[in-house]
PDB file of N, CA and C in Angstrom:
ATOM      1  N   UNK A   1      70.866  68.058 -31.055  1.00  0.00           N
ATOM      2  CA  UNK A   1      70.698  68.517 -29.496  1.00  0.00           C
ATOM      3  C   UNK A   1      69.819  69.146 -29.366  1.00  0.00           C
ATOM      4  N   UNK A   2      68.914  69.358 -30.205  1.00  0.00           N
ATOM      5  CA  UNK A   2      67.348  70.666 -30.303  1.00  0.00           C
ATOM      6  C   UNK A   2      66.187  69.971 -29.998  1.00  0.00           C
ATOM      7  N   UNK A   3      66.522  68.552 -29.727  1.00  0.00           N
ATOM      8  CA  UNK A   3      65.685  67.728 -29.561  1.00  0.00           C
ATOM      9  C   UNK A   3      63.723  67.496 -30.872  1.00  0.00           C
ATOM     10  N   UNK A   4      65.538  67.548 -32.237  1.00  0.00           N
ATOM     11  CA  UNK A   4      64.853  67.339 -33.733  1.00  0.00           C
ATOM     12  C   UNK A   4      64.373  68.586 -34.068  1.00  0.00           C
ATOM     13  N   UNK A   5      64.948  69.886 -32.980  1.00  0.00           N
ATOM     14  CA  UNK A   5      65.297  71.017 -34.552  1.00  0.00           C
ATOM     15  C   UNK A   5      65.732  71.104 -35.361  1.00  0.00           C
ATOM     16  N   UNK A   6      65.523  71.403 -36.956  1.00  0.00           N
ATOM     17  CA  UNK A   6      66.818  72.076 -37.698  1.00  0.00           C
ATOM     18  C   UNK A   6      67.289  73.392 -37.040  1.00  0.00           C
ATOM     19  N   UNK A   7      68.304  74.018 -37.945  1.00  0.00           N
ATOM     20  CA  UNK A   7      68.965  74.943 -38.200  1.00  0.00           C
ATOM     21  C   UNK A   7      67.817  75.859 -38.070  1.00  0.00           C
ATOM     22  N   UNK A   8      67.256  75.818 -38.557  1.00  0.00           N
ATOM     23  CA  UNK A   8      65.883  77.203 -39.653  1.00  0.00           C
ATOM     24  C   UNK A   8      65.093  77.405 -38.533  1.00  0.00           C
ATOM     25  N   UNK A   9      64.619  75.595 -37.789  1.00  0.00           N
ATOM     26  CA  UNK A   9      63.744  76.266 -36.715  1.00  0.00           C
ATOM     27  C   UNK A   9      63.672  76.485 -35.220  1.00  0.00           C
ATOM     28  N   UNK A  10      65.691  76.687 -35.318  1.00  0.00           N
ATOM     29  CA  UNK A  10      66.572  77.254 -33.637  1.00  0.00           C
ATOM     30  C   UNK A  10      66.481  78.642 -34.497  1.00  0.00           C
ATOM     31  N   UNK A  11      66.409  79.339 -36.139  1.00  0.00           N
ATOM     32  CA  UNK A  11      66.823  80.158 -35.860  1.00  0.00           C
ATOM     33  C   UNK A  11      65.528  81.159 -35.830  1.00  0.00           C
ATOM     34  N   UNK A  12      64.976  80.326 -36.262  1.00  0.00           N
ATOM     35  CA  UNK A  12      62.884  81.118 -35.904  1.00  0.00           C
ATOM     36  C   UNK A  12      62.585  81.838 -34.830  1.00  0.00           C
ATOM     37  N   UNK A  13      63.147  79.919 -34.052  1.00  0.00           N
ATOM     38  CA  UNK A  13      62.449  80.606 -32.188  1.00  0.00           C
ATOM     39  C   UNK A  13      63.604  81.704 -31.618  1.00  0.00           C
ATOM     40  N   UNK A  14      64.635  81.951 -32.809  1.00  0.00           N
ATOM     41  CA  UNK A  14      65.685  82.975 -31.796  1.00  0.00           C
ATOM     42  C   UNK A  14      65.293  84.387 -32.020  1.00  0.00           C
ATOM     43  N   UNK A  15      64.181  84.294 -33.325  1.00  0.00           N
ATOM     44  CA  UNK A  15      64.431  85.313 -34.103  1.00  0.00           C
ATOM     45  C   UNK A  15      65.225  85.545 -34.576  1.00  0.00           C
ATOM     46  N   UNK A  16      66.501  85.029 -35.221  1.00  0.00           N
ATOM     47  CA  UNK A  16      67.272  85.802 -36.191  1.00  0.00           C
ATOM     48  C   UNK A  16      66.843  85.814 -37.413  1.00  0.00           C
ATOM     49  N   UNK A  17      67.351  86.750 -37.899  1.00  0.00           N
ATOM     50  CA  UNK A  17      67.948  87.111 -39.827  1.00  0.00           C
ATOM     51  C   UNK A  17      68.515  86.473 -40.554  1.00  0.00           C
ATOM     52  N   UNK A  18      67.606  87.018 -41.619  1.00  0.00           N
ATOM     53  CA  UNK A  18      68.076  85.559 -42.289  1.00  0.00           C
ATOM     54  C   UNK A  18      69.628  85.506 -42.482  1.00  0.00           C
ATOM     55  N   UNK A  19      70.605  84.476 -42.609  1.00  0.00           N
ATOM     56  CA  UNK A  19      71.989  84.175 -42.100  1.00  0.00           C
ATOM     57  C   UNK A  19      72.545  84.574 -41.843  1.00  0.00           C
ATOM     58  N   UNK A  20      71.807  85.409 -40.271  1.00  0.00           N
ATOM     59  CA  UNK A  20      72.658  85.615 -39.179  1.00  0.00           C
ATOM     60  C   UNK A  20      73.100  84.005 -38.109  1.00  0.00           C
ATOM     61  N   UNK A  21      73.692  84.308 -37.080  1.00  0.00           N
ATOM     62  CA  UNK A  21      74.350  83.602 -37.389  1.00  0.00           C
ATOM     63  C   UNK A  21      74.262  83.061 -35.960  1.00  0.00           C
ATOM     64  N   UNK A  22      73.829  81.008 -35.888  1.00  0.00           N
ATOM     65  CA  UNK A  22      73.204  80.845 -34.300  1.00  0.00           C
ATOM     66  C   UNK A  22      74.084  81.033 -32.599  1.00  0.00           C
ATOM     67  N   UNK A  23      75.371  80.602 -33.348  1.00  0.00           N
ATOM     68  CA  UNK A  23      76.491  80.213 -32.420  1.00  0.00           C
ATOM     69  C   UNK A  23      76.597  81.552 -32.270  1.00  0.00           C
ATOM     70  N   UNK A  24      76.657  83.195 -32.803  1.00  0.00           N
ATOM     71  CA  UNK A  24      76.068  84.161 -32.268  1.00  0.00           C
ATOM     72  C   UNK A  24      75.650  85.097 -31.394  1.00  0.00           C
ATOM     73  N   UNK A  25      74.434  83.994 -31.547  1.00  0.00           N
ATOM     74  CA  UNK A  25      73.291  84.055 -30.877  1.00  0.00           C
ATOM     75  C   UNK A  25      72.990  83.337 -29.402  1.00  0.00           C
ATOM     76  N   UNK A  26      74.065  82.673 -28.743  1.00  0.00           N
ATOM     77  CA  UNK A  26      73.311  82.197 -27.384  1.00  0.00           C
ATOM     78  C   UNK A  26      74.513  82.307 -26.379  1.00  0.00           C
ATOM     79  N   UNK A  27      73.374  82.067 -25.056  1.00  0.00           N
ATOM     80  CA  UNK A  27      74.980  82.138 -23.964  1.00  0.00           C
ATOM     81  C   UNK A  27      76.006  80.793 -23.955  1.00  0.00           C
ATOM     82  N   UNK A  28      75.992  81.301 -22.449  1.00  0.00           N
ATOM     83  CA  UNK A  28      77.819  80.885 -22.507  1.00  0.00           C
ATOM     84  C   UNK A  28      77.281  79.309 -22.326  1.00  0.00           C
ATOM     85  N   UNK A  29      76.472  79.241 -21.392  1.00  0.00           N
ATOM     86  CA  UNK A  29      75.787  77.068 -21.560  1.00  0.00           C
ATOM     87  C   UNK A  29      75.812  77.242 -23.298  1.00  0.00           C
ATOM     88  N   UNK A  30      74.700  77.794 -23.162  1.00  0.00           N
ATOM     89  CA  UNK A  30      74.126  76.899 -24.644  1.00  0.00           C
ATOM     90  C   UNK A  30      75.436  76.597 -25.689  1.00  0.00           C
ATOM     91  N   UNK A  31      76.716  78.105 -25.565  1.00  0.00           N
ATOM     92  CA  UNK A  31      77.426  77.917 -26.560  1.00  0.00           C
ATOM     93  C   UNK A  31      78.611  77.235 -26.037  1.00  0.00           C
ATOM     94  N   UNK A  32      78.344  76.564 -25.335  1.00  0.00           N
ATOM     95  CA  UNK A  32      79.616  75.673 -24.800  1.00  0.00           C
ATOM     96  C   UNK A  32      78.985  73.705 -24.981  1.00  0.00           C
ATOM     97  N   UNK A  33      77.527  73.979 -24.503  1.00  0.00           N
ATOM     98  CA  UNK A  33      77.512  72.585 -25.168  1.00  0.00           C
ATOM     99  C   UNK A  33      77.586  72.396 -26.581  1.00  0.00           C
ATOM    100  N   UNK A  34      77.217  73.399 -27.447  1.00  0.00           N
ATOM    101  CA  UNK A  34      77.186  73.559 -29.291  1.00  0.00           C
ATOM    102  C   UNK A  34      79.115  72.860 -29.521  1.00  0.00           C
ATOM    103  N   UNK A  35      79.875  74.289 -28.569  1.00  0.00           N
ATOM    104  CA  UNK A  35      81.024  73.526 -28.823  1.00  0.00           C
ATOM    105  C   UNK A  35      82.062  72.282 -28.373  1.00  0.00           C
ATOM    106  N   UNK A  36      81.289  71.571 -27.564  1.00  0.00           N
ATOM    107  CA  UNK A  36      81.585  69.786 -26.890  1.00  0.00           C
ATOM    108  C   UNK A  36      81.043  68.861 -28.450  1.00  0.00           C
ATOM    109  N   UNK A  37      79.581  69.223 -28.881  1.00  0.00           N
ATOM    110  CA  UNK A  37      79.161  68.317 -29.555  1.00  0.00           C
ATOM    111  C   UNK A  37      79.694  68.769 -31.383  1.00  0.00           C
ATOM    112  N   UNK A  38      80.305  69.903 -30.996  1.00  0.00           N
ATOM    113  CA  UNK A  38      80.924  70.248 -32.224  1.00  0.00           C
ATOM    114  C   UNK A  38      82.273  69.306 -32.715  1.00  0.00           C
ATOM    115  N   UNK A  39      83.604  69.605 -31.226  1.00  0.00           N
ATOM    116  CA  UNK A  39      84.739  69.016 -31.046  1.00  0.00           C
ATOM    117  C   UNK A  39      84.322  67.581 -31.441  1.00  0.00           C
ATOM    118  N   UNK A  40      83.647  66.916 -29.664  1.00  0.00           N
ATOM    119  CA  UNK A  40      83.714  64.984 -30.006  1.00  0.00           C
ATOM    120  C   UNK A  40      83.365  64.500 -31.166  1.00  0.00           C
ATOM    121  N   UNK A  41      82.741  65.883 -32.070  1.00  0.00           N
ATOM    122  CA  UNK A  41      81.782  64.325 -33.163  1.00  0.00           C
ATOM    123  C   UNK A  41      83.123  64.970 -34.142  1.00  0.00           C
ATOM    124  N   UNK A  42      83.671  65.624 -34.595  1.00  0.00           N
ATOM    125  CA  UNK A  42      84.959  65.737 -35.438  1.00  0.00           C
ATOM    126  C   UNK A  42      86.190  64.747 -34.630  1.00  0.00           C
ATOM    127  N   UNK A  43      86.183  64.733 -33.644  1.00  0.00           N
ATOM    128  CA  UNK A  43      87.668  63.513 -33.281  1.00  0.00           C
ATOM    129  C   UNK A  43      86.222  62.452 -34.235  1.00  0.00           C
ATOM    130  N   UNK A  44      85.427  61.932 -33.442  1.00  0.00           N
ATOM    131  CA  UNK A  44      84.509  61.103 -34.829  1.00  0.00           C
ATOM    132  C   UNK A  44      84.503  60.530 -35.385  1.00  0.00           C
ATOM    133  N   UNK A  45      84.120  61.456 -36.032  1.00  0.00           N
ATOM    134  CA  UNK A  45      84.712  61.575 -37.532  1.00  0.00           C
ATOM    135  C   UNK A  45      86.167  60.886 -38.487  1.00  0.00           C
ATOM    136  N   UNK A  46      86.748  61.752 -37.629  1.00  0.00           N
ATOM    137  CA  UNK A  46      88.039  60.844 -38.411  1.00  0.00           C
ATOM    138  C   UNK A  46      88.375  60.079 -37.169  1.00  0.00           C
ATOM    139  N   UNK A  47      88.386  59.169 -36.370  1.00  0.00           N
ATOM    140  CA  UNK A  47      88.039  58.073 -35.250  1.00  0.00           C
ATOM    141  C   UNK A  47      87.363  56.949 -35.875  1.00  0.00           C
ATOM    142  N   UNK A  48      86.940  57.405 -36.652  1.00  0.00           N
ATOM    143  CA  UNK A  48      85.766  56.330 -37.932  1.00  0.00           C
ATOM    144  C   UNK A  48      85.748  56.492 -38.895  1.00  0.00           C
ATOM    145  N   UNK A  49      86.792  57.166 -39.357  1.00  0.00           N
ATOM    146  CA  UNK A  49      87.150  57.740 -40.698  1.00  0.00           C
ATOM    147  C   UNK A  49      85.638  57.701 -41.798  1.00  0.00           C
ATOM    148  N   UNK A  50      84.983  58.622 -41.327  1.00  0.00           N
ATOM    149  CA  UNK A  50      83.574  58.733 -41.270  1.00  0.00           C
ATOM    150  C   UNK A  50      83.675  60.048 -43.164  1.00  0.00           C
ATOM    151  N   UNK A  51      83.385  59.167 -43.864  1.00  0.00           N
ATOM    152  CA  UNK A  51      83.342  60.581 -45.474  1.00  0.00           C
ATOM    153  C   UNK A  51      82.318  60.520 -45.670  1.00  0.00           C
ATOM    154  N   UNK A  52      81.045  60.013 -46.204  1.00  0.00           N
ATOM    155  CA  UNK A  52      80.169  60.643 -46.427  1.00  0.00           C
ATOM    156  C   UNK A  52      79.129  61.246 -45.757  1.00  0.00           C
ATOM    157  N   UNK A  53      78.638  61.951 -46.347  1.00  0.00           N
ATOM    158  CA  UNK A  53      77.504  62.991 -45.958  1.00  0.00           C
ATOM    159  C   UNK A  53      76.857  62.764 -45.008  1.00  0.00           C
ATOM    160  N   UNK A  54      76.028  61.361 -44.879  1.00  0.00           N
ATOM    161  CA  UNK A  54      75.006  60.854 -44.798  1.00  0.00           C
ATOM    162  C   UNK A  54      75.202  60.078 -43.025  1.00  0.00           C
ATOM    163  N   UNK A  55      76.670  59.536 -43.348  1.00  0.00           N
ATOM    164  CA  UNK A  55      77.361  59.383 -42.063  1.00  0.00           C
ATOM    165  C   UNK A  55      78.025  60.341 -41.186  1.00  0.00           C
ATOM    166  N   UNK A  56      77.959  61.319 -41.544  1.00  0.00           N
ATOM    167  CA  UNK A  56      78.136  62.204 -41.123  1.00  0.00           C
ATOM    168  C   UNK A  56      77.294  63.193 -40.418  1.00  0.00           C
ATOM    169  N   UNK A  57      75.987  63.518 -40.884  1.00  0.00           N
ATOM    170  CA  UNK A  57      75.590  63.966 -40.016  1.00  0.00           C
ATOM    171  C   UNK A  57      74.300  62.618 -39.144  1.00  0.00           C
ATOM    172  N   UNK A  58      74.589  61.827 -39.006  1.00  0.00           N
ATOM    173  CA  UNK A  58      74.345  60.334 -38.272  1.00  0.00           C
ATOM    174  C   UNK A  58      75.708  59.957 -37.413  1.00  0.00           C
ATOM    175  N   UNK A  59      76.362  60.395 -37.324  1.00  0.00           N
ATOM    176  CA  UNK A  59      77.291  61.055 -36.197  1.00  0.00           C
ATOM    177  C   UNK A  59      77.133  62.091 -35.044  1.00  0.00           C
ATOM    178  N   UNK A  60      76.791  63.334 -35.814  1.00  0.00           N
ATOM    179  CA  UNK A  60      75.922  64.468 -34.692  1.00  0.00           C
ATOM    180  C   UNK A  60      75.252  64.555 -34.468  1.00  0.00           C
ATOM    181  N   UNK A  61      73.949  63.569 -35.165  1.00  0.00           N
ATOM    182  CA  UNK A  61      73.132  63.291 -34.665  1.00  0.00           C
ATOM    183  C   UNK A  61      73.361  62.330 -32.870  1.00  0.00           C
ATOM    184  N   UNK A  62      73.703  61.401 -33.641  1.00  0.00           N
ATOM    185  CA  UNK A  62      74.853  60.618 -32.233  1.00  0.00           C
ATOM    186  C   UNK A  62      75.434  60.969 -31.240  1.00  0.00           C
ATOM    187  N   UNK A  63      75.644  62.076 -31.450  1.00  0.00           N
ATOM    188  CA  UNK A  63      76.749  62.501 -30.439  1.00  0.00           C
ATOM    189  C   UNK A  63      75.776  63.977 -29.527  1.00  0.00           C
ATOM    190  N   UNK A  64      74.757  64.695 -30.588  1.00  0.00           N
ATOM    191  CA  UNK A  64      74.345  65.550 -30.007  1.00  0.00           C
ATOM    192  C   UNK A  64      73.423  64.665 -29.243  1.00  0.00           C
ATOM    193  N   UNK A  65      72.612  63.688 -29.352  1.00  0.00           N
ATOM    194  CA  UNK A  65      71.876  62.482 -28.442  1.00  0.00           C
ATOM    195  C   UNK A  65      72.390  62.652 -26.734  1.00  0.00           C
ATOM    196  N   UNK A  66      73.408  61.857 -27.417  1.00  0.00           N
ATOM    197  CA  UNK A  66      73.904  61.201 -26.443  1.00  0.00           C
ATOM    198  C   UNK A  66      74.679  63.070 -24.977  1.00  0.00           C
ATOM    199  N   UNK A  67      75.409  63.788 -25.879  1.00  0.00           N
ATOM    200  CA  UNK A  67      74.578  65.779 -24.592  1.00  0.00           C
ATOM    201  C   UNK A  67      73.583  65.844 -24.684  1.00  0.00           C
ATOM    202  N   UNK A  68      73.154  65.951 -24.699  1.00  0.00           N
ATOM    203  CA  UNK A  68      71.715  65.938 -23.933  1.00  0.00           C
ATOM    204  C   UNK A  68      71.211  65.237 -23.421  1.00  0.00           C
ATOM    205  N   UNK A  69      71.121  63.755 -23.759  1.00  0.00           N
ATOM    206  CA  UNK A  69      70.659  62.953 -21.907  1.00  0.00           C
ATOM    207  C   UNK A  69      71.829  62.810 -22.055  1.00  0.00           C
ATOM    208  N   UNK A  70      73.403  63.388 -21.559  1.00  0.00           N
ATOM    209  CA  UNK A  70      73.588  63.728 -19.958  1.00  0.00           C
ATOM    210  C   UNK A  70      73.544  64.883 -19.662  1.00  0.00           C
ATOM    211  N   UNK A  71      73.624  66.152 -20.080  1.00  0.00           N
ATOM    212  CA  UNK A  71      71.993  67.243 -20.097  1.00  0.00           C
ATOM    213  C   UNK A  71      70.926  66.866 -18.704  1.00  0.00           C
ATOM    214  N   UNK A  72      70.169  65.839 -19.107  1.00  0.00           N
ATOM    215  CA  UNK A  72      69.177  66.129 -18.703  1.00  0.00           C
ATOM    216  C   UNK A  72      69.722  64.754 -18.002  1.00  0.00           C
ATOM    217  N   UNK A  73      70.236  64.022 -17.767  1.00  0.00           N
ATOM    218  CA  UNK A  73      70.703  63.845 -16.462  1.00  0.00           C
ATOM    219  C   UNK A  73      71.281  64.374 -15.184  1.00  0.00           C
ATOM    220  N   UNK A  74      72.023  65.431 -15.568  1.00  0.00           N
ATOM    221  CA  UNK A  74      72.830  66.169 -14.629  1.00  0.00           C
ATOM    222  C   UNK A  74      71.404  67.125 -14.233  1.00  0.00           C
ATOM    223  N   UNK A  75      70.315  67.548 -14.769  1.00  0.00           N
ATOM    224  CA  UNK A  75      68.933  68.264 -14.257  1.00  0.00           C
ATOM    225  C   UNK A  75      69.331  69.971 -14.946  1.00  0.00           C
ATOM    226  N   UNK A  76      69.819  69.791 -16.117  1.00  0.00           N
ATOM    227  CA  UNK A  76      70.684  70.530 -16.496  1.00  0.00           C
ATOM    228  C   UNK A  76      69.297  71.863 -17.122  1.00  0.00           C
ATOM    229  N   UNK A  77      69.465  72.096 -17.844  1.00  0.00           N
ATOM    230  CA  UNK A  77      68.148  73.538 -19.125  1.00  0.00           C
ATOM    231  C   UNK A  77      68.496  72.846 -20.221  1.00  0.00           C
ATOM    232  N   UNK A  78      67.378  72.170 -20.455  1.00  0.00           N
ATOM    233  CA  UNK A  78      67.595  72.048 -22.323  1.00  0.00           C
ATOM    234  C   UNK A  78      68.167  72.821 -22.938  1.00  0.00           C
ATOM    235  N   UNK A  79      69.061  72.699 -24.637  1.00  0.00           N
ATOM    236  CA  UNK A  79      69.420  73.250 -25.472  1.00  0.00           C
ATOM    237  C   UNK A  79      67.708  74.569 -25.836  1.00  0.00           C
ATOM    238  N   UNK A  80      67.147  74.104 -26.514  1.00  0.00           N
ATOM    239  CA  UNK A  80      65.993  74.455 -26.430  1.00  0.00           C
ATOM    240  C   UNK A  80      65.239  75.479 -25.322  1.00  0.00           C
ATOM    241  N   UNK A  81      65.225  75.666 -24.115  1.00  0.00           N
ATOM    242  CA  UNK A  81      65.679  76.485 -23.490  1.00  0.00           C
ATOM    243  C   UNK A  81      65.411  76.820 -22.652  1.00  0.00           C
ATOM    244  N   UNK A  82      66.786  77.656 -23.136  1.00  0.00           N
ATOM    245  CA  UNK A  82      67.437  78.465 -22.600  1.00  0.00           C
ATOM    246  C   UNK A  82      67.439  79.096 -23.490  1.00  0.00           C
ATOM    247  N   UNK A  83      67.826  80.838 -22.844  1.00  0.00           N
ATOM    248  CA  UNK A  83      66.770  82.429 -23.549  1.00  0.00           C
ATOM    249  C   UNK A  83      68.386  82.519 -24.462  1.00  0.00           C
ATOM    250  N   UNK A  84      67.874  83.716 -25.649  1.00  0.00           N
ATOM    251  CA  UNK A  84      68.779  84.414 -25.799  1.00  0.00           C
ATOM    252  C   UNK A  84      69.159  85.407 -26.124  1.00  0.00           C
ATOM    253  N   UNK A  85      70.592  85.249 -25.194  1.00  0.00           N
ATOM    254  CA  UNK A  85      71.122  86.514 -24.821  1.00  0.00           C
ATOM    255  C   UNK A  85      70.396  87.962 -25.851  1.00  0.00           C
ATOM    256  N   UNK A  86      70.153  89.074 -24.209  1.00  0.00           N
ATOM    257  CA  UNK A  86      69.720  90.040 -25.231  1.00  0.00           C
ATOM    258  C   UNK A  86      70.811  90.918 -26.545  1.00  0.00           C
ATOM    259  N   UNK A  87      70.426  91.579 -27.937  1.00  0.00           N
ATOM    260  CA  UNK A  87      71.769  91.918 -28.319  1.00  0.00           C
ATOM    261  C   UNK A  87      71.781  94.043 -27.386  1.00  0.00           C
ATOM    262  N   UNK A  88      73.110  94.360 -27.655  1.00  0.00           N
ATOM    263  CA  UNK A  88      73.523  94.992 -27.097  1.00  0.00           C
ATOM    264  C   UNK A  88      73.891  96.286 -28.199  1.00  0.00           C
TER     265      UNK A  88
END
């Protein structure tokens, strides 16, 4: 969903410390998109009876790509372009 970025890439871009949770460092739009991706992928894994890690990773990528495409079609901001909220 992040245009090919890995979790490590995202953490570095956001300036996170080692083992700091990426989901805890998202604004509402970015978090909602990610939770939707997670939810839809979980449903796909169950519905399609996906068992292997390779197939699960492929499913995550496919769902993320479709969500990214929808965000773009709606004129939304791509997840990697959303600001990281300031820490309080």
